[in-house]
Every structure is written in C-alpha cells, then in structure tokens.
Amino acid sequence: MINYCSEYISLQKKALESIDRETLAKVIGLFKSALDEERQVFVFGNGGSAANASHFVTDLGKGSSDKTHKRFRCMSLNDNASWITAIGNDYAFEDIFMRQLMNLANPGDLVMVLSVSGDSPNLVKAIEWAKTNQLHSIALVGGKKGRLAELADTVMIIDDTHYGRVEDAHMGICHMITYAFMEKTELQKP
C-alpha cells in the first residue's frame, strides 16, 4: 500500500503541475470582471464535479465576498434538487442546467462547468445555450477534453484521465480562484 500511495501522490503532483498558470490568471480576471460588473456566476457539474461546484460557490459567495468591495452574485446549479428533478422528469436530464440558465442568466454573465470527461450531454447542452445567449463560458476538463473543450470560451485542461486526480486538481483551481480574492488586495478593490 505504501507504494500505491506514493505513486498516487506522484501522479497527483503531475496533474497539479499541468494547470496552465496563464489561463488560470485569465480565469481569475474573468471572475474579477464579473464581480466589478455585478454579473451573475453560475457553476455546475455532475457527480464529484457537482460537489466541487457547490464547494466552490460556497467559498466564492462567503469567503471571497467577505474580503471584496462587492459580493459575488454566484450560485451552483446543482443545489436545487426539486428544480433539477422537475426538469429531469418533465423534460429530460440533459436539460437540467440549460433550463435553469434560461430562467436566471443574462448576456454577459459567467458560467463555469466542471467535467472530467468533457462530454456529459447536460453540460454540453448548457454551454451551447450559454454561447448562443452571449454568456462567457469556462470549462475545467480532464485529459480527454471532450466537446466542452471545443465549445467553451476559456478552457483549463488537467492532463490526466483519472477521475479522482482530475477532480482534486479542479478543486485546487477553484481554491486558487477563491483564495486569490481572499489574499490579494488588488483583487479586493474596485
């Protein structure tokens, strides 16, 4: 087991090293613009990525907002079980995020999707809708990239296909975004 753990840690470090710092800095800038312009931020994913989306929005809406000159207008589209199940039941599971965006989003808002495969139909459909309706889209994906890497305006790829390592690296990106606002005074001011 020691060898397994050592190998896993080594591969996790490699996944984290694959984070493109220039793109991450651009993503932080997109969040700064959304904050300054009072744009809404929508984040979502499936499974472990759904949990990461909820965690990220909690950190952004509470921790980051406690330090900034304005509060982030943010929500995870994973967190309303009754809305998700109503849409899934009455329309299709592929529509669960797109139809929430139809009610809530405006042109210029920011959407961030988290997906290891990059090919989940409900995520792809939501990003297609976002593009058509002039929202800026960010996709955090794994090494397979998938359709989301083709559709999103800004893409961050973790060079691994292991679900656990990619999801951990995505959460690392989310923490770097939120802690940038908590720790960098230049991001806290207008």
Protein backbone atom coordinates (compact mmCIF):
# COMPACT_ATOMS: atom_id res chain seq x y z
CA MET A 1 0.00 0.00 0.00
CA ILE A 2 2.88 2.40 0.65
CA ASN A 3 3.97 2.05 -2.99
CA TYR A 4 0.38 2.62 -4.18
CA CYS A 5 0.07 5.74 -2.05
CA SER A 6 3.45 7.05 -3.21
CA GLU A 7 2.57 6.50 -6.87
CA TYR A 8 -0.84 8.15 -6.41
CA ILE A 9 0.75 11.20 -4.78
CA SER A 10 3.34 11.40 -7.56
CA LEU A 11 0.61 11.29 -10.22
CA GLN A 12 -1.45 13.89 -8.30
CA LYS A 13 1.52 16.25 -8.29
CA LYS A 14 1.86 15.73 -12.05
CA ALA A 15 -1.85 16.53 -12.54
CA LEU A 16 -1.49 19.72 -10.50
CA GLU A 17 1.61 20.73 -12.47
CA SER A 18 -0.45 20.53 -15.67
CA ILE A 19 -2.51 23.56 -14.57
CA ASP A 20 -1.80 26.34 -17.05
CA ARG A 21 -0.94 29.35 -14.91
CA GLU A 22 -1.59 31.91 -17.67
CA THR A 23 -5.08 30.55 -18.28
CA LEU A 24 -5.73 30.43 -14.54
CA ALA A 25 -4.71 34.09 -14.23
CA LYS A 26 -7.12 34.88 -17.10
CA VAL A 27 -9.92 32.97 -15.31
CA ILE A 28 -9.28 34.95 -12.11
CA GLY A 29 -9.55 38.10 -14.24
CA LEU A 30 -12.90 36.92 -15.59
CA PHE A 31 -14.17 36.48 -12.04
CA LYS A 32 -12.86 39.95 -11.13
CA SER A 33 -14.77 41.43 -14.09
CA ALA A 34 -17.93 39.55 -13.09
CA LEU A 35 -17.58 40.93 -9.55
CA ASP A 36 -16.93 44.52 -10.65
CA GLU A 37 -19.74 44.48 -13.22
CA GLU A 38 -22.19 42.70 -10.88
CA ARG A 39 -22.58 39.83 -13.34
CA GLN A 40 -24.00 36.55 -12.15
CA VAL A 41 -21.76 33.49 -11.88
CA PHE A 42 -23.20 30.02 -12.43
CA VAL A 43 -21.19 26.87 -11.69
CA PHE A 44 -22.21 23.25 -12.24
CA GLY A 45 -21.10 19.68 -12.91
CA ASN A 46 -22.11 16.06 -12.34
CA GLY A 47 -21.20 13.69 -9.50
CA GLY A 48 -17.96 14.68 -7.78
CA SER A 49 -17.81 17.74 -10.03
CA ALA A 50 -21.25 18.76 -8.72
CA ALA A 51 -19.88 18.58 -5.19
CA ASN A 52 -16.87 20.66 -6.28
CA ALA A 53 -19.21 23.23 -7.88
CA SER A 54 -21.16 23.57 -4.63
CA HIS A 55 -17.97 23.83 -2.58
CA PHE A 56 -16.52 26.45 -4.93
CA VAL A 57 -19.66 28.62 -4.86
CA THR A 58 -19.73 28.45 -1.06
CA ASP A 59 -16.13 29.66 -0.91
CA LEU A 60 -16.73 32.36 -3.53
CA GLY A 61 -20.02 33.61 -2.09
CA LYS A 62 -18.89 33.60 1.53
CA GLY A 63 -15.10 33.62 1.90
CA SER A 64 -14.15 35.66 -1.16
CA SER A 65 -17.11 38.02 -0.81
CA ASP A 66 -16.17 38.76 2.80
CA LYS A 67 -12.95 40.36 1.51
CA THR A 68 -14.09 42.17 -1.64
CA HIS A 69 -15.67 45.59 -2.20
CA LYS A 70 -18.82 43.89 -3.55
CA ARG A 71 -20.28 40.45 -3.07
CA PHE A 72 -20.17 37.78 -5.74
CA ARG A 73 -23.58 37.03 -7.24
CA CYS A 74 -22.99 33.30 -7.57
CA MET A 75 -24.81 30.01 -7.42
CA SER A 76 -24.29 26.34 -8.07
CA LEU A 77 -26.97 24.97 -10.39
CA ASN A 78 -26.53 21.62 -8.62
CA ASP A 79 -28.07 22.77 -5.37
CA ASN A 80 -31.83 22.86 -6.08
CA ALA A 81 -32.90 19.21 -6.02
CA SER A 82 -36.59 19.89 -6.61
CA TRP A 83 -35.90 22.07 -9.66
CA ILE A 84 -33.43 19.53 -11.08
CA THR A 85 -35.83 16.62 -10.60
CA ALA A 86 -38.79 18.55 -12.04
CA ILE A 87 -36.83 19.46 -15.16
CA GLY A 88 -35.40 15.94 -15.48
CA ASN A 89 -38.84 14.39 -15.07
CA ASP A 90 -40.86 16.78 -17.23
CA TYR A 91 -38.31 17.43 -19.99
CA ALA A 92 -35.04 15.48 -19.94
CA PHE A 93 -31.99 15.05 -17.72
CA GLU A 94 -29.99 16.73 -20.50
CA ASP A 95 -31.95 19.94 -19.79
CA ILE A 96 -31.35 20.26 -16.02
CA PHE A 97 -28.74 23.03 -16.28
CA MET A 98 -29.78 24.67 -19.52
CA ARG A 99 -33.34 25.29 -18.32
CA GLN A 100 -32.12 26.85 -15.07
CA LEU A 101 -29.91 29.18 -17.11
CA MET A 102 -32.94 30.06 -19.24
CA ASN A 103 -34.64 31.41 -16.10
CA LEU A 104 -31.67 33.05 -14.41
CA ALA A 105 -28.94 34.08 -16.83
CA ASN A 106 -28.38 37.30 -18.76
CA PRO A 107 -25.95 38.13 -21.56
CA GLY A 108 -22.52 38.86 -20.09
CA ASP A 109 -22.94 36.51 -17.13
CA LEU A 110 -20.25 33.92 -16.40
CA VAL A 111 -20.72 30.15 -16.38
CA MET A 112 -18.15 27.63 -15.22
CA VAL A 113 -18.59 23.93 -15.83
CA LEU A 114 -16.52 21.17 -14.24
CA SER A 115 -16.23 17.82 -16.03
CA VAL A 116 -13.59 15.11 -16.15
CA SER A 117 -14.84 13.64 -19.45
CA GLY A 118 -15.89 16.91 -21.06
CA ASP A 119 -18.72 15.11 -22.81
CA SER A 120 -21.69 14.97 -20.40
CA PRO A 121 -24.78 15.78 -22.51
CA ASN A 122 -26.38 18.01 -19.85
CA LEU A 123 -23.20 20.09 -19.54
CA VAL A 124 -22.68 20.32 -23.30
CA LYS A 125 -26.27 21.45 -23.82
CA ALA A 126 -25.95 24.15 -21.15
CA ILE A 127 -22.72 25.50 -22.65
CA GLU A 128 -24.24 25.50 -26.15
CA TRP A 129 -27.13 27.57 -24.74
CA ALA A 130 -24.69 29.88 -22.95
CA LYS A 131 -22.78 30.54 -26.19
CA THR A 132 -25.98 31.26 -28.11
CA ASN A 133 -27.09 33.68 -25.38
CA GLN A 134 -23.80 35.58 -25.01
CA LEU A 135 -22.61 34.27 -21.67
CA HIS A 136 -18.88 33.72 -21.19
CA SER A 137 -18.15 30.04 -20.52
CA ILE A 138 -15.25 28.44 -18.68
CA ALA A 139 -14.71 24.67 -18.79
CA LEU A 140 -12.47 22.75 -16.41
CA VAL A 141 -11.92 19.35 -18.04
CA GLY A 142 -9.65 16.31 -17.91
CA GLY A 143 -7.22 14.93 -20.45
CA LYS A 144 -9.91 13.60 -22.78
CA LYS A 145 -11.05 17.22 -23.22
CA GLY A 146 -14.35 16.28 -24.85
CA ARG A 147 -16.90 18.50 -26.52
CA LEU A 148 -16.74 21.10 -23.73
CA ALA A 149 -13.14 21.92 -24.67
CA GLU A 150 -14.38 22.75 -28.18
CA LEU A 151 -17.34 24.84 -27.03
CA ALA A 152 -16.18 26.85 -24.02
CA ASP A 153 -14.68 30.31 -24.41
CA THR A 154 -11.95 29.55 -21.86
CA VAL A 155 -10.70 26.01 -21.19
CA MET A 156 -8.49 24.60 -18.46
CA ILE A 157 -7.28 21.04 -19.10
CA ILE A 158 -5.84 18.76 -16.45
CA ASP A 159 -3.51 16.35 -18.21
CA ASP A 160 -4.90 13.18 -16.65
CA THR A 161 -7.97 10.99 -17.14
CA HIS A 162 -8.24 9.59 -13.60
CA TYR A 163 -11.47 10.93 -12.11
CA GLY A 164 -10.13 11.40 -8.59
CA ARG A 165 -6.95 13.19 -9.64
CA VAL A 166 -8.73 15.45 -12.13
CA GLU A 167 -11.47 16.35 -9.64
CA ASP A 168 -8.83 17.11 -7.00
CA ALA A 169 -6.94 19.33 -9.46
CA HIS A 170 -10.19 21.10 -10.41
CA MET A 171 -10.85 21.79 -6.74
CA GLY A 172 -7.29 23.11 -6.48
CA ILE A 173 -8.11 25.55 -9.30
CA CYS A 174 -11.32 26.56 -7.52
CA HIS A 175 -9.41 27.19 -4.30
CA MET A 176 -6.79 29.26 -6.11
CA ILE A 177 -9.57 31.41 -7.59
CA THR A 178 -11.32 31.97 -4.26
CA TYR A 179 -8.16 32.46 -2.22
CA ALA A 180 -6.81 34.94 -4.76
CA PHE A 181 -9.73 37.19 -3.77
CA MET A 182 -9.15 36.49 -0.08
CA GLU A 183 -5.40 37.08 -0.14
CA LYS A 184 -4.58 39.54 -2.96
CA THR A 185 -5.59 43.08 -2.02
CA GLU A 186 -5.54 44.27 -5.64
CA LEU A 187 -8.48 41.93 -6.35
CA GLN A 188 -10.46 43.20 -3.37
CA LYS A 189 -10.73 46.80 -4.56
CA PRO A 190 -12.83 48.28 -7.38
